[in-house]
Protein backbone atom coordinates (compact mmCIF):
# COMPACT_ATOMS: atom_id res chain seq x y z
CA UNK A 1 0.00 0.00 0.00
CA UNK A 2 1.18 3.48 -0.81
CA UNK A 3 1.37 6.17 1.79
CA UNK A 4 -1.12 9.02 1.63
CA UNK A 5 1.65 11.38 0.58
CA UNK A 6 2.62 9.12 -2.32
CA UNK A 7 -1.03 8.79 -3.34
CA UNK A 8 -1.35 12.57 -3.43
CA UNK A 9 1.83 12.98 -5.50
CA UNK A 10 0.78 10.33 -8.01
CA UNK A 11 -2.74 11.81 -8.23
CA UNK A 12 -1.39 15.30 -8.89
CA UNK A 13 1.00 14.00 -11.52
CA UNK A 14 -1.72 12.01 -13.28
CA UNK A 15 -4.05 15.04 -13.25
CA UNK A 16 -1.39 17.20 -14.88
CA UNK A 17 -0.35 14.57 -17.43
CA UNK A 18 -3.93 13.70 -18.43
CA UNK A 19 -4.81 17.39 -18.88
CA UNK A 20 -1.80 17.93 -21.14
CA UNK A 21 -2.41 14.77 -23.16
CA UNK A 22 -6.12 15.48 -23.67
CA UNK A 23 -5.27 18.94 -25.03
CA UNK A 24 -2.97 17.26 -27.56
CA UNK A 25 -5.66 14.83 -28.76
CA UNK A 26 -7.13 15.67 -32.13
CA UNK A 27 -10.46 13.96 -31.43
CA UNK A 28 -13.27 16.40 -32.34
CA UNK A 29 -15.67 14.55 -30.00
CA UNK A 30 -13.78 15.84 -26.99
CA UNK A 31 -15.03 19.34 -26.33
CA UNK A 32 -13.85 21.93 -23.86
CA UNK A 33 -12.91 19.74 -20.90
CA UNK A 34 -11.47 20.54 -17.48
CA UNK A 35 -9.85 17.91 -15.27
CA UNK A 36 -11.19 18.60 -11.78
CA UNK A 37 -9.55 15.95 -9.64
CA UNK A 38 -7.99 12.51 -9.56
CA UNK A 39 -8.67 9.99 -6.82
CA UNK A 40 -6.35 7.02 -6.68
CA UNK A 41 -6.78 3.86 -4.66
CA UNK A 42 -4.28 3.17 -1.86
CA UNK A 43 -2.71 0.35 -3.90
CA UNK A 44 -2.27 2.77 -6.87
CA UNK A 45 -4.15 0.38 -9.18
CA UNK A 46 -7.13 2.56 -10.15
CA UNK A 47 -7.23 6.29 -10.91
CA UNK A 48 -10.69 7.87 -10.98
CA UNK A 49 -10.51 11.04 -13.03
CA UNK A 50 -13.29 13.59 -12.53
CA UNK A 51 -13.87 16.16 -15.25
CA UNK A 52 -16.36 18.76 -16.40
CA UNK A 53 -17.29 19.60 -19.95
CA UNK A 54 -19.29 22.45 -21.43
CA UNK A 55 -22.28 21.69 -23.59
CA UNK A 56 -25.48 19.71 -23.78
CA UNK A 57 -26.12 16.28 -22.31
CA UNK A 58 -25.54 14.77 -25.74
CA UNK A 59 -22.16 16.53 -25.93
CA UNK A 60 -21.27 15.19 -22.46
CA UNK A 61 -22.17 11.62 -23.48
CA UNK A 62 -20.12 11.96 -26.67
CA UNK A 63 -17.15 13.24 -24.69
CA UNK A 64 -17.48 10.36 -22.21
CA UNK A 65 -17.45 7.80 -25.04
CA UNK A 66 -14.42 9.47 -26.64
CA UNK A 67 -12.53 9.47 -23.33
CA UNK A 68 -13.42 5.83 -22.73
CA UNK A 69 -12.07 4.95 -26.17
CA UNK A 70 -8.87 6.93 -25.54
CA UNK A 71 -8.21 5.35 -22.11
CA UNK A 72 -5.57 2.95 -23.40
CA UNK A 73 -3.62 5.70 -25.14
CA UNK A 74 -3.91 8.02 -22.15
CA UNK A 75 -2.74 5.26 -19.79
CA UNK A 76 0.31 4.58 -21.98
CA UNK A 77 1.19 8.29 -22.04
CA UNK A 78 0.87 8.51 -18.26
CA UNK A 79 3.00 5.37 -17.93
CA UNK A 80 5.78 6.81 -20.08
CA UNK A 81 5.93 9.94 -17.96
CA UNK A 82 5.23 8.42 -14.54
CA UNK A 83 7.78 5.59 -14.65
CA UNK A 84 6.37 3.45 -11.87
CA UNK A 85 6.09 -0.33 -11.73
CA UNK A 86 2.34 -0.43 -12.39
CA UNK A 87 0.37 2.21 -14.28
CA UNK A 88 -3.09 2.69 -12.75
CA UNK A 89 -6.23 1.76 -14.65
CA UNK A 90 -7.97 4.97 -15.71
CA UNK A 91 -11.67 5.61 -15.17
CA UNK A 92 -13.43 8.82 -16.23
CA UNK A 93 -16.39 10.40 -14.43
CA UNK A 94 -18.22 13.53 -15.57
CA UNK A 95 -19.17 15.92 -12.78
CA UNK A 96 -22.46 17.69 -13.38
CA UNK A 97 -23.06 21.32 -12.44
CA UNK A 98 -25.21 20.20 -9.52
CA UNK A 99 -22.28 18.13 -8.22
CA UNK A 100 -20.22 21.30 -7.82
CA UNK A 101 -22.80 22.82 -5.52
CA UNK A 102 -22.88 19.66 -3.39
CA UNK A 103 -19.11 19.67 -3.06
CA UNK A 104 -19.05 23.32 -2.05
CA UNK A 105 -21.61 22.69 0.69
CA UNK A 106 -19.69 19.64 1.89
CA UNK A 107 -16.40 21.56 1.98
CA UNK A 108 -18.02 24.47 3.82
CA UNK A 109 -19.52 22.20 6.46
CA UNK A 110 -16.44 20.03 6.90
C-alpha atoms as a PDB file:
ATOM      1  CA  UNK A   1       0.000   0.000   0.000  1.00  0.00           C
ATOM      2  CA  UNK A   2       1.180   3.477  -0.808  1.00  0.00           C
ATOM      3  CA  UNK A   3       1.370   6.173   1.789  1.00  0.00           C
ATOM      4  CA  UNK A   4      -1.121   9.022   1.630  1.00  0.00           C
ATOM      5  CA  UNK A   5       1.655  11.380   0.581  1.00  0.00           C
ATOM      6  CA  UNK A   6       2.619   9.117  -2.322  1.00  0.00           C
ATOM      7  CA  UNK A   7      -1.034   8.792  -3.340  1.00  0.00           C
ATOM      8  CA  UNK A   8      -1.350  12.573  -3.434  1.00  0.00           C
ATOM      9  CA  UNK A   9       1.825  12.976  -5.499  1.00  0.00           C
ATOM     10  CA  UNK A  10       0.781  10.326  -8.012  1.00  0.00           C
ATOM     11  CA  UNK A  11      -2.743  11.810  -8.234  1.00  0.00           C
ATOM     12  CA  UNK A  12      -1.392  15.299  -8.886  1.00  0.00           C
ATOM     13  CA  UNK A  13       1.001  14.000 -11.521  1.00  0.00           C
ATOM     14  CA  UNK A  14      -1.720  12.006 -13.283  1.00  0.00           C
ATOM     15  CA  UNK A  15      -4.048  15.036 -13.245  1.00  0.00           C
ATOM     16  CA  UNK A  16      -1.388  17.196 -14.885  1.00  0.00           C
ATOM     17  CA  UNK A  17      -0.351  14.574 -17.433  1.00  0.00           C
ATOM     18  CA  UNK A  18      -3.931  13.701 -18.428  1.00  0.00           C
ATOM     19  CA  UNK A  19      -4.812  17.389 -18.877  1.00  0.00           C
ATOM     20  CA  UNK A  20      -1.801  17.932 -21.138  1.00  0.00           C
ATOM     21  CA  UNK A  21      -2.405  14.772 -23.158  1.00  0.00           C
ATOM     22  CA  UNK A  22      -6.121  15.481 -23.671  1.00  0.00           C
ATOM     23  CA  UNK A  23      -5.275  18.943 -25.031  1.00  0.00           C
ATOM     24  CA  UNK A  24      -2.968  17.262 -27.563  1.00  0.00           C
ATOM     25  CA  UNK A  25      -5.658  14.831 -28.759  1.00  0.00           C
ATOM     26  CA  UNK A  26      -7.135  15.666 -32.133  1.00  0.00           C
ATOM     27  CA  UNK A  27     -10.462  13.964 -31.429  1.00  0.00           C
ATOM     28  CA  UNK A  28     -13.269  16.397 -32.340  1.00  0.00           C
ATOM     29  CA  UNK A  29     -15.666  14.549 -30.003  1.00  0.00           C
ATOM     30  CA  UNK A  30     -13.775  15.845 -26.986  1.00  0.00           C
ATOM     31  CA  UNK A  31     -15.034  19.339 -26.326  1.00  0.00           C
ATOM     32  CA  UNK A  32     -13.852  21.927 -23.856  1.00  0.00           C
ATOM     33  CA  UNK A  33     -12.908  19.743 -20.901  1.00  0.00           C
ATOM     34  CA  UNK A  34     -11.472  20.539 -17.475  1.00  0.00           C
ATOM     35  CA  UNK A  35      -9.851  17.909 -15.270  1.00  0.00           C
ATOM     36  CA  UNK A  36     -11.185  18.603 -11.779  1.00  0.00           C
ATOM     37  CA  UNK A  37      -9.551  15.952  -9.641  1.00  0.00           C
ATOM     38  CA  UNK A  38      -7.990  12.507  -9.563  1.00  0.00           C
ATOM     39  CA  UNK A  39      -8.671   9.992  -6.822  1.00  0.00           C
ATOM     40  CA  UNK A  40      -6.347   7.021  -6.679  1.00  0.00           C
ATOM     41  CA  UNK A  41      -6.784   3.861  -4.660  1.00  0.00           C
ATOM     42  CA  UNK A  42      -4.278   3.175  -1.858  1.00  0.00           C
ATOM     43  CA  UNK A  43      -2.712   0.352  -3.899  1.00  0.00           C
ATOM     44  CA  UNK A  44      -2.270   2.766  -6.874  1.00  0.00           C
ATOM     45  CA  UNK A  45      -4.148   0.378  -9.182  1.00  0.00           C
ATOM     46  CA  UNK A  46      -7.133   2.563 -10.150  1.00  0.00           C
ATOM     47  CA  UNK A  47      -7.227   6.287 -10.908  1.00  0.00           C
ATOM     48  CA  UNK A  48     -10.686   7.867 -10.979  1.00  0.00           C
ATOM     49  CA  UNK A  49     -10.514  11.042 -13.034  1.00  0.00           C
ATOM     50  CA  UNK A  50     -13.286  13.590 -12.526  1.00  0.00           C
ATOM     51  CA  UNK A  51     -13.872  16.164 -15.249  1.00  0.00           C
ATOM     52  CA  UNK A  52     -16.358  18.758 -16.397  1.00  0.00           C
ATOM     53  CA  UNK A  53     -17.287  19.598 -19.949  1.00  0.00           C
ATOM     54  CA  UNK A  54     -19.288  22.450 -21.432  1.00  0.00           C
ATOM     55  CA  UNK A  55     -22.279  21.688 -23.591  1.00  0.00           C
ATOM     56  CA  UNK A  56     -25.476  19.710 -23.783  1.00  0.00           C
ATOM     57  CA  UNK A  57     -26.121  16.282 -22.306  1.00  0.00           C
ATOM     58  CA  UNK A  58     -25.535  14.769 -25.745  1.00  0.00           C
ATOM     59  CA  UNK A  59     -22.164  16.529 -25.925  1.00  0.00           C
ATOM     60  CA  UNK A  60     -21.275  15.187 -22.465  1.00  0.00           C
ATOM     61  CA  UNK A  61     -22.170  11.622 -23.480  1.00  0.00           C
ATOM     62  CA  UNK A  62     -20.123  11.956 -26.673  1.00  0.00           C
ATOM     63  CA  UNK A  63     -17.146  13.241 -24.689  1.00  0.00           C
ATOM     64  CA  UNK A  64     -17.480  10.358 -22.205  1.00  0.00           C
ATOM     65  CA  UNK A  65     -17.451   7.801 -25.037  1.00  0.00           C
ATOM     66  CA  UNK A  66     -14.423   9.465 -26.638  1.00  0.00           C
ATOM     67  CA  UNK A  67     -12.528   9.474 -23.330  1.00  0.00           C
ATOM     68  CA  UNK A  68     -13.420   5.828 -22.726  1.00  0.00           C
ATOM     69  CA  UNK A  69     -12.071   4.952 -26.170  1.00  0.00           C
ATOM     70  CA  UNK A  70      -8.868   6.928 -25.537  1.00  0.00           C
ATOM     71  CA  UNK A  71      -8.207   5.349 -22.108  1.00  0.00           C
ATOM     72  CA  UNK A  72      -5.566   2.951 -23.404  1.00  0.00           C
ATOM     73  CA  UNK A  73      -3.623   5.700 -25.145  1.00  0.00           C
ATOM     74  CA  UNK A  74      -3.905   8.021 -22.148  1.00  0.00           C
ATOM     75  CA  UNK A  75      -2.740   5.262 -19.793  1.00  0.00           C
ATOM     76  CA  UNK A  76       0.314   4.585 -21.984  1.00  0.00           C
ATOM     77  CA  UNK A  77       1.191   8.287 -22.042  1.00  0.00           C
ATOM     78  CA  UNK A  78       0.873   8.506 -18.258  1.00  0.00           C
ATOM     79  CA  UNK A  79       3.000   5.370 -17.933  1.00  0.00           C
ATOM     80  CA  UNK A  80       5.778   6.808 -20.076  1.00  0.00           C
ATOM     81  CA  UNK A  81       5.931   9.938 -17.959  1.00  0.00           C
ATOM     82  CA  UNK A  82       5.231   8.419 -14.543  1.00  0.00           C
ATOM     83  CA  UNK A  83       7.777   5.587 -14.655  1.00  0.00           C
ATOM     84  CA  UNK A  84       6.371   3.453 -11.869  1.00  0.00           C
ATOM     85  CA  UNK A  85       6.085  -0.325 -11.735  1.00  0.00           C
ATOM     86  CA  UNK A  86       2.343  -0.429 -12.391  1.00  0.00           C
ATOM     87  CA  UNK A  87       0.375   2.213 -14.276  1.00  0.00           C
ATOM     88  CA  UNK A  88      -3.095   2.690 -12.746  1.00  0.00           C
ATOM     89  CA  UNK A  89      -6.230   1.760 -14.648  1.00  0.00           C
ATOM     90  CA  UNK A  90      -7.972   4.971 -15.714  1.00  0.00           C
ATOM     91  CA  UNK A  91     -11.674   5.606 -15.173  1.00  0.00           C
ATOM     92  CA  UNK A  92     -13.432   8.822 -16.232  1.00  0.00           C
ATOM     93  CA  UNK A  93     -16.393  10.400 -14.430  1.00  0.00           C
ATOM     94  CA  UNK A  94     -18.221  13.535 -15.572  1.00  0.00           C
ATOM     95  CA  UNK A  95     -19.165  15.922 -12.777  1.00  0.00           C
ATOM     96  CA  UNK A  96     -22.461  17.688 -13.383  1.00  0.00           C
ATOM     97  CA  UNK A  97     -23.057  21.323 -12.443  1.00  0.00           C
ATOM     98  CA  UNK A  98     -25.214  20.201  -9.521  1.00  0.00           C
ATOM     99  CA  UNK A  99     -22.277  18.133  -8.215  1.00  0.00           C
ATOM    100  CA  UNK A 100     -20.215  21.296  -7.825  1.00  0.00           C
ATOM    101  CA  UNK A 101     -22.800  22.819  -5.521  1.00  0.00           C
ATOM    102  CA  UNK A 102     -22.881  19.660  -3.395  1.00  0.00           C
ATOM    103  CA  UNK A 103     -19.107  19.669  -3.062  1.00  0.00           C
ATOM    104  CA  UNK A 104     -19.053  23.318  -2.055  1.00  0.00           C
ATOM    105  CA  UNK A 105     -21.607  22.692   0.686  1.00  0.00           C
ATOM    106  CA  UNK A 106     -19.685  19.641   1.894  1.00  0.00           C
ATOM    107  CA  UNK A 107     -16.402  21.557   1.980  1.00  0.00           C
ATOM    108  CA  UNK A 108     -18.020  24.471   3.824  1.00  0.00           C
ATOM    109  CA  UNK A 109     -19.520  22.199   6.456  1.00  0.00           C
ATOM    110  CA  UNK A 110     -16.436  20.026   6.900  1.00  0.00           C
END
